[in-house]
Protein backbone atom coordinates (compact mmCIF):
# COMPACT_ATOMS: atom_id res chain seq x y z
CA MET A 1 -187.39 130.44 -38.70
CA TRP A 2 -188.18 127.00 -40.17
CA PHE A 3 -186.81 128.14 -43.52
CA ARG A 4 -183.56 129.27 -41.91
CA SER A 5 -183.29 125.96 -40.00
CA ILE A 6 -183.68 123.95 -43.21
CA LEU A 7 -180.97 126.00 -44.93
CA LEU A 8 -178.51 125.45 -42.11
CA GLY A 9 -179.44 121.76 -41.92
CA LEU A 10 -178.43 121.32 -45.56
CA LEU A 11 -174.91 122.31 -44.62
CA LEU A 12 -174.42 118.98 -42.86
CA ILE A 13 -174.51 117.17 -46.19
CA THR A 14 -172.78 119.87 -48.31
CA PRO A 15 -169.04 119.59 -49.03
CA LEU A 16 -167.18 122.60 -47.67
CA ALA A 17 -163.91 124.23 -48.68
CA ALA A 18 -161.32 123.14 -46.13
CA GLY A 19 -159.80 125.54 -43.71
CA ALA A 20 -161.44 128.81 -44.75
CA ALA A 21 -164.57 130.92 -44.56
CA GLY A 22 -166.66 130.89 -47.72
CA PHE A 23 -169.95 130.00 -49.37
CA ALA A 24 -171.58 126.60 -49.30
CA LYS A 25 -171.92 124.88 -52.67
CA GLU A 26 -174.77 126.32 -54.79
CA SER A 27 -175.88 128.45 -51.84
CA LEU A 28 -176.96 131.55 -53.83
CA PHE A 29 -180.67 131.38 -54.68
CA LEU A 30 -183.95 133.30 -54.59
CA SER A 31 -186.82 132.90 -52.14
CA LYS A 32 -189.25 132.03 -54.96
CA SER A 33 -189.32 131.01 -58.61
CA PRO A 34 -190.41 132.16 -61.11
CA VAL A 35 -190.19 135.89 -60.38
CA THR A 36 -192.14 138.58 -62.23
CA GLU A 37 -190.84 142.14 -62.57
CA GLY A 38 -192.04 144.40 -59.77
CA GLU A 39 -192.19 141.59 -57.21
CA THR A 40 -190.07 141.75 -54.06
CA VAL A 41 -188.01 138.62 -53.44
CA PHE A 42 -185.09 137.69 -51.21
CA ILE A 43 -181.64 136.64 -52.33
CA HIS A 44 -180.23 134.02 -49.95
CA ALA A 45 -176.62 132.97 -49.48
CA ILE A 46 -175.22 130.49 -46.95
CA VAL A 47 -171.82 131.33 -45.44
CA THR A 48 -169.64 128.80 -43.62
CA ASN A 49 -166.41 128.94 -41.62
CA ASP A 50 -164.40 125.72 -41.73
CA SER A 51 -161.29 127.27 -40.19
CA ASP A 52 -160.03 127.18 -36.60
CA ALA A 53 -160.43 130.95 -36.13
CA ALA A 54 -163.49 133.16 -35.89
CA PHE A 55 -164.43 135.20 -38.95
CA ALA A 56 -165.98 138.69 -39.07
CA GLY A 57 -166.94 140.48 -42.25
CA GLU A 58 -169.92 141.00 -44.51
CA VAL A 59 -171.68 139.55 -47.53
CA VAL A 60 -172.16 142.09 -50.34
CA PHE A 61 -174.85 141.35 -52.92
CA LYS A 62 -174.59 142.88 -56.41
CA ASP A 63 -176.66 142.85 -59.57
CA GLY A 64 -173.87 143.18 -62.11
CA ASP A 65 -172.03 146.30 -60.90
CA VAL A 66 -175.03 147.62 -58.95
CA ARG A 67 -174.93 147.04 -55.20
CA ILE A 68 -178.15 145.50 -53.87
CA GLY A 69 -177.27 145.39 -50.19
CA ALA A 70 -174.92 143.92 -47.58
CA VAL A 71 -175.25 141.82 -44.45
CA ALA A 72 -172.65 141.69 -41.68
CA VAL A 73 -171.62 138.19 -40.57
CA THR A 74 -169.74 136.89 -37.55
CA LEU A 75 -168.89 133.19 -37.69
CA PRO A 76 -167.26 131.11 -34.95
CA PRO A 77 -164.94 128.25 -35.96
CA GLY A 78 -167.03 125.63 -37.73
CA GLY A 79 -170.06 127.96 -37.82
CA ALA A 80 -172.55 128.70 -40.57
CA GLU A 81 -175.09 131.44 -41.22
CA ALA A 82 -177.86 132.09 -43.75
CA THR A 83 -177.84 135.69 -45.05
CA SER A 84 -180.40 137.43 -47.23
CA VAL A 85 -181.35 140.80 -48.72
CA SER A 86 -184.57 141.92 -50.39
CA TRP A 87 -184.56 142.65 -54.12
CA GLN A 88 -187.08 144.14 -56.55
CA PRO A 89 -185.64 143.33 -59.99
CA ALA A 90 -186.58 144.54 -63.44
CA LYS A 91 -187.40 142.09 -66.23
CA GLY A 92 -184.62 140.28 -68.05
CA SER A 93 -181.49 138.31 -67.17
CA HIS A 94 -179.56 139.33 -64.05
CA SER A 95 -176.07 138.17 -63.07
CA VAL A 96 -176.15 138.32 -59.27
CA THR A 97 -172.96 138.05 -57.22
CA ALA A 98 -172.42 137.59 -53.49
CA GLU A 99 -168.99 138.59 -52.18
CA LEU A 100 -167.74 137.52 -48.77
CA THR A 101 -165.39 140.24 -47.57
CA ALA A 102 -163.15 140.33 -44.50
CA GLY A 103 -163.00 143.23 -42.05
CA ASP A 104 -160.26 144.93 -44.11
CA GLY A 105 -162.39 144.82 -47.27
CA THR A 106 -160.54 141.88 -48.86
CA VAL A 107 -162.81 139.62 -50.91
CA VAL A 108 -162.45 136.14 -49.40
CA GLU A 109 -164.73 134.35 -51.84
CA SER A 110 -167.53 135.11 -54.27
CA ALA A 111 -170.51 133.18 -55.58
CA SER A 112 -172.61 134.04 -58.61
CA ALA A 113 -175.83 132.93 -60.28
CA THR A 114 -177.96 134.10 -63.19
CA PHE A 115 -181.66 134.76 -62.60
CA VAL A 116 -184.19 135.47 -65.35
CA ILE A 117 -187.03 137.78 -64.33
CA GLU A 118 -190.26 137.42 -66.28
CA GLU A 119 -192.10 140.35 -67.80
CA ARG A 120 -195.29 141.38 -66.05
CA PRO A 121 -198.35 140.60 -68.20
CA GLU A 122 -200.02 143.69 -69.59
CA ALA A 123 -203.22 144.65 -67.79
CA ASP A 124 -206.32 144.43 -69.99
CA THR A 125 -208.48 146.71 -67.87
CA GLU A 126 -208.09 149.71 -65.61
CA GLU A 127 -208.93 147.54 -62.59
CA GLU A 128 -206.17 145.04 -63.47
CA ALA A 129 -203.68 147.85 -63.99
CA ALA A 130 -204.48 149.20 -60.53
CA ALA A 131 -204.18 145.73 -59.03
CA SER A 132 -200.65 145.32 -60.47
CA THR A 133 -199.30 148.22 -58.42
CA SER A 134 -196.40 147.21 -56.16
CA VAL A 135 -195.98 148.65 -52.69
CA GLU A 136 -192.76 150.29 -51.52
CA SER A 137 -190.15 147.68 -50.58
CA SER A 138 -189.02 147.19 -46.98
CA LYS A 139 -185.42 146.84 -48.17
CA GLY A 140 -184.26 150.08 -46.52
CA ILE A 141 -185.71 149.09 -43.15
CA GLN A 142 -184.10 145.64 -43.34
CA GLU A 143 -180.71 147.16 -44.14
CA THR A 144 -181.06 149.46 -41.12
CA ILE A 145 -181.81 146.46 -38.89
CA ALA A 146 -178.87 144.58 -40.42
CA GLY A 147 -176.57 147.44 -39.45
CA ILE A 148 -177.64 147.02 -35.82
CA SER A 149 -178.07 143.24 -35.62
CA PRO A 150 -177.31 141.04 -38.64
CA GLN A 151 -178.76 137.99 -36.89
CA ALA A 152 -182.06 139.77 -36.21
CA ALA A 153 -182.23 141.02 -39.80
CA SER A 154 -181.63 137.55 -41.21
CA ALA A 155 -184.29 136.02 -38.96
CA ALA A 156 -186.79 138.79 -39.76
CA ALA A 157 -186.34 138.66 -43.55
CA PRO A 158 -189.08 136.03 -44.14
CA VAL A 159 -191.44 138.00 -41.89
CA PHE A 160 -190.88 141.17 -43.93
CA GLY A 161 -191.51 139.19 -47.10
CA THR A 162 -194.84 137.91 -45.78
CA ILE A 163 -195.93 141.36 -44.59
CA ASP A 164 -194.95 142.98 -47.90
CA SER A 165 -197.10 140.40 -49.72
CA LEU A 166 -200.04 141.15 -47.41
CA ARG A 167 -199.53 144.88 -48.00
CA GLU A 168 -199.84 144.37 -51.75
CA LYS A 169 -203.06 142.39 -51.31
CA GLY A 170 -204.41 145.09 -48.99
CA VAL A 171 -203.64 147.83 -51.53
CA ARG A 172 -205.45 145.89 -54.24
CA ALA A 173 -208.52 145.47 -52.03
CA LEU A 174 -208.48 149.18 -51.15
CA GLU A 175 -208.21 150.15 -54.83
CA THR A 176 -211.33 148.09 -55.51
CA GLY A 177 -213.04 149.92 -52.64
CA GLU A 178 -211.92 153.26 -54.06
CA ALA A 179 -213.43 152.43 -57.45
CA TRP A 180 -216.75 151.57 -55.78
CA ALA A 181 -216.68 154.70 -53.60
CA LYS A 182 -215.97 156.96 -56.59
CA THR A 183 -218.97 155.51 -58.39
CA LYS A 184 -221.31 156.02 -55.44
CA ALA A 185 -219.93 159.49 -54.77
CA GLY A 186 -220.74 160.53 -58.33
CA GLN A 187 -217.09 160.67 -59.46
CA GLY A 188 -217.28 157.80 -61.91
CA GLU A 189 -219.52 155.23 -63.49
CA VAL A 190 -219.65 151.48 -63.78
CA ALA A 191 -220.98 150.01 -67.02
CA GLY A 192 -224.69 149.49 -66.80
CA GLU A 193 -225.02 151.31 -63.47
CA SER A 194 -225.75 154.99 -62.84
CA SER A 195 -223.66 156.77 -60.19
CA GLU A 196 -226.53 159.08 -59.29
CA THR A 197 -229.34 158.15 -56.96
CA SER A 198 -232.26 160.49 -56.40
CA GLY A 199 -233.61 161.75 -53.10
CA ILE A 200 -232.28 161.82 -49.56
CA ALA A 201 -231.01 158.25 -49.82
CA GLY A 202 -228.79 159.29 -52.71
CA THR A 203 -227.42 162.26 -50.75
CA VAL A 204 -226.62 160.09 -47.72
CA MET A 205 -225.02 157.45 -49.92
CA GLY A 206 -222.91 160.13 -51.61
CA LEU A 207 -221.66 161.46 -48.25
CA VAL A 208 -220.86 157.99 -46.94
CA ALA A 209 -219.09 157.08 -50.19
CA THR A 210 -217.03 160.29 -50.04
CA LEU A 211 -215.94 159.55 -46.47
CA LEU A 212 -215.07 155.99 -47.41
CA LEU A 213 -213.12 157.26 -50.41
CA TYR A 214 -210.93 159.43 -48.16
CA LEU A 215 -210.55 156.53 -45.71
CA PHE A 216 -209.56 154.05 -48.42
CA SER A 217 -207.09 156.55 -49.90
CA ALA A 218 -205.47 157.19 -46.50
CA LEU A 219 -205.16 153.48 -45.74
CA LYS A 220 -203.71 152.79 -49.19
CA TRP A 221 -201.15 155.58 -48.70
CA LEU A 222 -200.20 154.05 -45.33
CA LEU A 223 -199.76 150.56 -46.79
CA ASN A 224 -197.80 151.87 -49.77
CA ASN A 225 -195.21 153.75 -47.67
CA ALA A 226 -192.95 151.23 -45.93
CA GLY A 227 -191.13 153.97 -43.99
CA ILE A 228 -194.39 154.94 -42.29
CA PHE A 229 -196.24 151.63 -42.22
CA TYR A 230 -193.62 149.62 -40.33
CA PRO A 231 -193.04 152.20 -37.53
CA VAL A 232 -196.83 152.44 -37.07
CA LEU A 233 -197.05 148.65 -37.00
CA ALA A 234 -194.25 148.48 -34.42
CA ILE A 235 -195.95 151.08 -32.21
CA ALA A 236 -199.26 149.21 -32.45
CA PHE A 237 -197.52 145.93 -31.61
CA PHE A 238 -195.76 147.30 -28.53
CA TYR A 239 -198.95 149.04 -27.43
CA PHE A 240 -200.75 145.69 -27.65
CA LEU A 241 -198.02 144.04 -25.56
CA TRP A 242 -198.24 146.84 -23.00
CA ARG A 243 -202.04 146.50 -22.71
CA LEU A 244 -201.67 142.74 -22.42
CA TYR A 245 -199.08 143.19 -19.68
CA LYS A 246 -201.33 145.64 -17.82
CA ARG A 247 -204.25 143.21 -18.06
CA MET A 248 -202.17 140.33 -16.71
CA ARG A 249 -200.85 142.50 -13.88
CA ARG A 250 -204.33 143.64 -12.89
CA PRO A 251 -205.33 142.06 -9.54
CA ARG A 252 -208.25 139.69 -9.62
CA TYR A 253 -211.00 140.31 -7.10
CA ARG A 254 -213.21 137.50 -5.91
């Protein structure tokens, strides 16, 4: 929310095109820089309406001729709105365009910018290669929310970005746990350490490691799949609110 407030605050000192809906000057930018291939970032664009009539349409984001996504906008006279879509670009130079279209599909104005995406460094070890794995983007979920409520989607975009980043860190931690569990379960070896332990202690350790391996794999699968992770997260969140409500409604006995 603070990020969105700063963007809109900048409009007060930005010259606007008179009498029409359009983009603020130099309003097309990424949520971070530099960007490495495989990372999920957000493309932001600020739309303004300096006319005396309300404006309804959408902002269409494109990478060259490839459509990235679209956000519906409704602007009152003199209004402004920050729009954004998630993007997972490949390496190289990208010419990104944002088109403001009216309800009849007419392009009112367009803004463009060129972004250079850096190549991901090659992993030197198997562990680093596993750590570089990117989780499934939440782009599809955000576009679904945008179709229902553009304002809610725009406000939630930074939240999705933060959660996606935490998901990637969680997957990396779970992959480290998987490597350890495979070693203890006798499915792999670490240099200088034997994966076999004699006696009952070794058998117990092998069983525990096998169970942990299945647990780590299941959790990693959950974090990787945005279409499953976010509904589960939403259910858990609403369940927490319901339990909190029940606790607050519970009568207190003296």
